[in-house]
Amino acid sequence: MSSGHSDKLDTETILLTLDQIDQTIEIMTGVVGRLKNHLYASLEESQLELELDSATDSHSREQVINETLDKINLEAFVH
């Protein structure tokens, strides 16, 4: 096998490997994004539960719910 043929195969192998790495990074970026969204949602839910537990009357609970809904709507608008 000639050196030129071997170099071409090596270059093709490197390009294929880089393409695979690129695809893997894209997939992992998506996975990380979904995990972050899930974590943020869980944290917001936990925070809401704590705030509702600490609210002493129905008016306070309603205020907490309304503030949370406003925050969710604002975040959805920004994203």
N, C-alpha and C. Protein backbone atom coordinates (compact mmCIF):
# COMPACT_ATOMS: atom_id res chain seq x y z
N MET A 1 0.85 -1.18 0.00
CA MET A 1 0.00 0.00 0.00
C MET A 1 0.89 1.24 0.00
N SER A 2 0.56 2.21 -0.80
CA SER A 2 1.38 3.41 -0.90
C SER A 2 1.09 4.36 0.25
N SER A 3 2.04 5.22 0.50
CA SER A 3 1.91 6.18 1.59
C SER A 3 0.76 7.16 1.33
N GLY A 4 0.57 7.56 0.07
CA GLY A 4 -0.51 8.50 -0.29
C GLY A 4 -1.87 7.89 -0.02
N HIS A 5 -2.03 6.60 -0.33
CA HIS A 5 -3.30 5.91 -0.09
C HIS A 5 -3.56 5.80 1.41
N SER A 6 -2.52 5.51 2.17
CA SER A 6 -2.64 5.40 3.63
C SER A 6 -3.00 6.75 4.25
N ASP A 7 -2.38 7.82 3.74
CA ASP A 7 -2.69 9.16 4.25
C ASP A 7 -4.14 9.53 3.98
N LYS A 8 -4.64 9.14 2.79
CA LYS A 8 -6.03 9.43 2.44
C LYS A 8 -6.98 8.70 3.38
N LEU A 9 -6.68 7.42 3.67
CA LEU A 9 -7.50 6.65 4.59
C LEU A 9 -7.46 7.26 5.99
N ASP A 10 -6.29 7.66 6.43
CA ASP A 10 -6.15 8.28 7.74
C ASP A 10 -6.96 9.57 7.82
N THR A 11 -6.91 10.38 6.77
CA THR A 11 -7.66 11.63 6.73
C THR A 11 -9.16 11.36 6.77
N GLU A 12 -9.61 10.36 5.99
CA GLU A 12 -11.03 10.01 5.98
C GLU A 12 -11.47 9.49 7.35
N THR A 13 -10.63 8.69 7.97
CA THR A 13 -10.94 8.16 9.30
C THR A 13 -11.04 9.30 10.32
N ILE A 14 -10.13 10.23 10.24
CA ILE A 14 -10.14 11.38 11.15
C ILE A 14 -11.41 12.21 10.94
N LEU A 15 -11.77 12.46 9.68
CA LEU A 15 -12.98 13.24 9.39
C LEU A 15 -14.23 12.53 9.89
N LEU A 16 -14.32 11.22 9.68
CA LEU A 16 -15.47 10.46 10.18
C LEU A 16 -15.54 10.51 11.71
N THR A 17 -14.39 10.36 12.33
CA THR A 17 -14.33 10.42 13.80
C THR A 17 -14.77 11.79 14.31
N LEU A 18 -14.30 12.84 13.67
CA LEU A 18 -14.70 14.19 14.07
C LEU A 18 -16.19 14.42 13.88
N ASP A 19 -16.75 13.89 12.79
CA ASP A 19 -18.20 13.98 12.58
C ASP A 19 -18.96 13.26 13.68
N GLN A 20 -18.48 12.09 14.07
CA GLN A 20 -19.13 11.34 15.14
C GLN A 20 -19.04 12.08 16.47
N ILE A 21 -17.89 12.66 16.73
CA ILE A 21 -17.73 13.45 17.96
C ILE A 21 -18.68 14.64 17.95
N ASP A 22 -18.79 15.31 16.81
CA ASP A 22 -19.69 16.46 16.68
C ASP A 22 -21.13 16.05 16.96
N GLN A 23 -21.55 14.93 16.38
CA GLN A 23 -22.91 14.43 16.59
C GLN A 23 -23.13 14.08 18.06
N THR A 24 -22.15 13.46 18.68
CA THR A 24 -22.25 13.10 20.09
C THR A 24 -22.39 14.34 20.96
N ILE A 25 -21.61 15.36 20.66
CA ILE A 25 -21.67 16.61 21.42
C ILE A 25 -23.06 17.25 21.27
N GLU A 26 -23.60 17.25 20.06
CA GLU A 26 -24.93 17.82 19.84
C GLU A 26 -25.98 17.07 20.65
N ILE A 27 -25.91 15.74 20.63
CA ILE A 27 -26.87 14.94 21.39
C ILE A 27 -26.72 15.20 22.88
N MET A 28 -25.50 15.22 23.37
CA MET A 28 -25.27 15.44 24.79
C MET A 28 -25.70 16.84 25.22
N THR A 29 -25.52 17.82 24.34
CA THR A 29 -25.98 19.17 24.64
C THR A 29 -27.50 19.18 24.83
N GLY A 30 -28.20 18.46 23.97
CA GLY A 30 -29.65 18.34 24.11
C GLY A 30 -30.04 17.65 25.40
N VAL A 31 -29.33 16.58 25.74
CA VAL A 31 -29.62 15.84 26.97
C VAL A 31 -29.39 16.75 28.18
N VAL A 32 -28.28 17.45 28.19
CA VAL A 32 -27.98 18.35 29.31
C VAL A 32 -29.05 19.44 29.42
N GLY A 33 -29.48 19.97 28.29
CA GLY A 33 -30.54 20.99 28.30
C GLY A 33 -31.83 20.47 28.89
N ARG A 34 -32.22 19.26 28.51
CA ARG A 34 -33.44 18.66 29.06
C ARG A 34 -33.30 18.39 30.55
N LEU A 35 -32.12 17.92 30.97
CA LEU A 35 -31.89 17.68 32.40
C LEU A 35 -31.96 18.98 33.20
N LYS A 36 -31.39 20.04 32.65
CA LYS A 36 -31.45 21.34 33.33
C LYS A 36 -32.88 21.82 33.45
N ASN A 37 -33.65 21.69 32.37
CA ASN A 37 -35.05 22.10 32.41
C ASN A 37 -35.83 21.31 33.45
N HIS A 38 -35.56 20.00 33.51
CA HIS A 38 -36.24 19.16 34.50
C HIS A 38 -35.87 19.58 35.91
N LEU A 39 -34.59 19.85 36.13
CA LEU A 39 -34.13 20.26 37.45
C LEU A 39 -34.73 21.60 37.84
N TYR A 40 -34.74 22.57 36.91
CA TYR A 40 -35.35 23.86 37.21
C TYR A 40 -36.83 23.71 37.55
N ALA A 41 -37.53 22.87 36.80
CA ALA A 41 -38.96 22.65 37.07
C ALA A 41 -39.15 22.03 38.44
N SER A 42 -38.31 21.07 38.79
CA SER A 42 -38.40 20.43 40.11
C SER A 42 -38.12 21.42 41.22
N LEU A 43 -37.11 22.26 41.01
CA LEU A 43 -36.78 23.27 42.02
C LEU A 43 -37.92 24.27 42.19
N GLU A 44 -38.51 24.68 41.07
CA GLU A 44 -39.62 25.63 41.15
C GLU A 44 -40.81 25.00 41.86
N GLU A 45 -41.05 23.73 41.58
CA GLU A 45 -42.16 23.04 42.25
C GLU A 45 -41.90 22.93 43.75
N SER A 46 -40.68 22.60 44.13
CA SER A 46 -40.33 22.51 45.54
C SER A 46 -40.46 23.87 46.22
N GLN A 47 -40.00 24.91 45.53
CA GLN A 47 -40.09 26.26 46.07
C GLN A 47 -41.55 26.66 46.25
N LEU A 48 -42.39 26.33 45.28
CA LEU A 48 -43.81 26.65 45.37
C LEU A 48 -44.44 25.92 46.56
N GLU A 49 -44.10 24.65 46.73
CA GLU A 49 -44.64 23.89 47.86
C GLU A 49 -44.22 24.52 49.18
N LEU A 50 -42.96 24.94 49.28
CA LEU A 50 -42.50 25.59 50.52
C LEU A 50 -43.25 26.90 50.77
N GLU A 51 -43.42 27.68 49.71
CA GLU A 51 -44.12 28.95 49.86
C GLU A 51 -45.59 28.74 50.22
N LEU A 52 -46.21 27.73 49.61
CA LEU A 52 -47.60 27.44 49.94
C LEU A 52 -47.74 26.94 51.37
N ASP A 53 -46.80 26.12 51.80
CA ASP A 53 -46.82 25.62 53.18
C ASP A 53 -46.66 26.76 54.18
N SER A 54 -45.88 27.77 53.81
CA SER A 54 -45.64 28.87 54.74
C SER A 54 -46.74 29.93 54.69
N ALA A 55 -47.58 29.89 53.65
CA ALA A 55 -48.69 30.84 53.55
C ALA A 55 -49.72 30.50 54.61
N THR A 56 -50.15 31.51 55.35
CA THR A 56 -51.01 31.27 56.51
C THR A 56 -52.49 31.28 56.20
N ASP A 57 -52.91 31.93 55.14
CA ASP A 57 -54.33 31.97 54.82
C ASP A 57 -54.55 31.80 53.32
N SER A 58 -55.79 31.69 52.91
CA SER A 58 -56.08 31.42 51.51
C SER A 58 -55.67 32.59 50.62
N HIS A 59 -55.75 33.83 51.14
CA HIS A 59 -55.31 34.98 50.34
C HIS A 59 -53.81 34.90 50.06
N SER A 60 -53.02 34.54 51.05
CA SER A 60 -51.57 34.40 50.87
C SER A 60 -51.26 33.29 49.88
N ARG A 61 -51.98 32.18 49.96
CA ARG A 61 -51.76 31.08 49.03
C ARG A 61 -52.11 31.51 47.61
N GLU A 62 -53.19 32.23 47.46
CA GLU A 62 -53.59 32.71 46.13
C GLU A 62 -52.53 33.65 45.57
N GLN A 63 -51.99 34.50 46.42
CA GLN A 63 -50.95 35.44 45.98
C GLN A 63 -49.70 34.68 45.53
N VAL A 64 -49.31 33.65 46.28
CA VAL A 64 -48.14 32.84 45.90
C VAL A 64 -48.38 32.17 44.55
N ILE A 65 -49.56 31.63 44.35
CA ILE A 65 -49.89 30.95 43.09
C ILE A 65 -49.85 31.95 41.93
N ASN A 66 -50.45 33.12 42.13
CA ASN A 66 -50.46 34.13 41.07
C ASN A 66 -49.06 34.61 40.72
N GLU A 67 -48.22 34.83 41.73
CA GLU A 67 -46.84 35.26 41.48
C GLU A 67 -46.07 34.18 40.72
N THR A 68 -46.29 32.92 41.09
CA THR A 68 -45.62 31.81 40.41
C THR A 68 -46.07 31.72 38.96
N LEU A 69 -47.37 31.84 38.72
CA LEU A 69 -47.88 31.81 37.35
C LEU A 69 -47.32 32.96 36.52
N ASP A 70 -47.22 34.14 37.12
CA ASP A 70 -46.64 35.29 36.41
C ASP A 70 -45.19 35.00 36.05
N LYS A 71 -44.45 34.40 36.98
CA LYS A 71 -43.04 34.08 36.72
C LYS A 71 -42.92 33.06 35.60
N ILE A 72 -43.77 32.03 35.63
CA ILE A 72 -43.73 31.00 34.59
C ILE A 72 -44.07 31.60 33.23
N ASN A 73 -45.07 32.46 33.17
CA ASN A 73 -45.45 33.09 31.92
C ASN A 73 -44.33 33.99 31.39
N LEU A 74 -43.66 34.70 32.29
CA LEU A 74 -42.55 35.56 31.87
C LEU A 74 -41.40 34.73 31.33
N GLU A 75 -41.06 33.62 32.02
CA GLU A 75 -39.98 32.75 31.55
C GLU A 75 -40.32 32.12 30.20
N ALA A 76 -41.57 31.72 30.02
CA ALA A 76 -41.98 31.13 28.75
C ALA A 76 -41.88 32.15 27.63
N PHE A 77 -42.18 33.41 27.93
CA PHE A 77 -42.10 34.47 26.93
C PHE A 77 -40.65 34.74 26.54
N VAL A 78 -39.75 34.72 27.53
CA VAL A 78 -38.34 35.01 27.28
C VAL A 78 -37.70 33.90 26.47
N HIS A 79 -38.06 32.63 26.74
CA HIS A 79 -37.46 31.50 26.02
C HIS A 79 -38.16 31.35 24.73
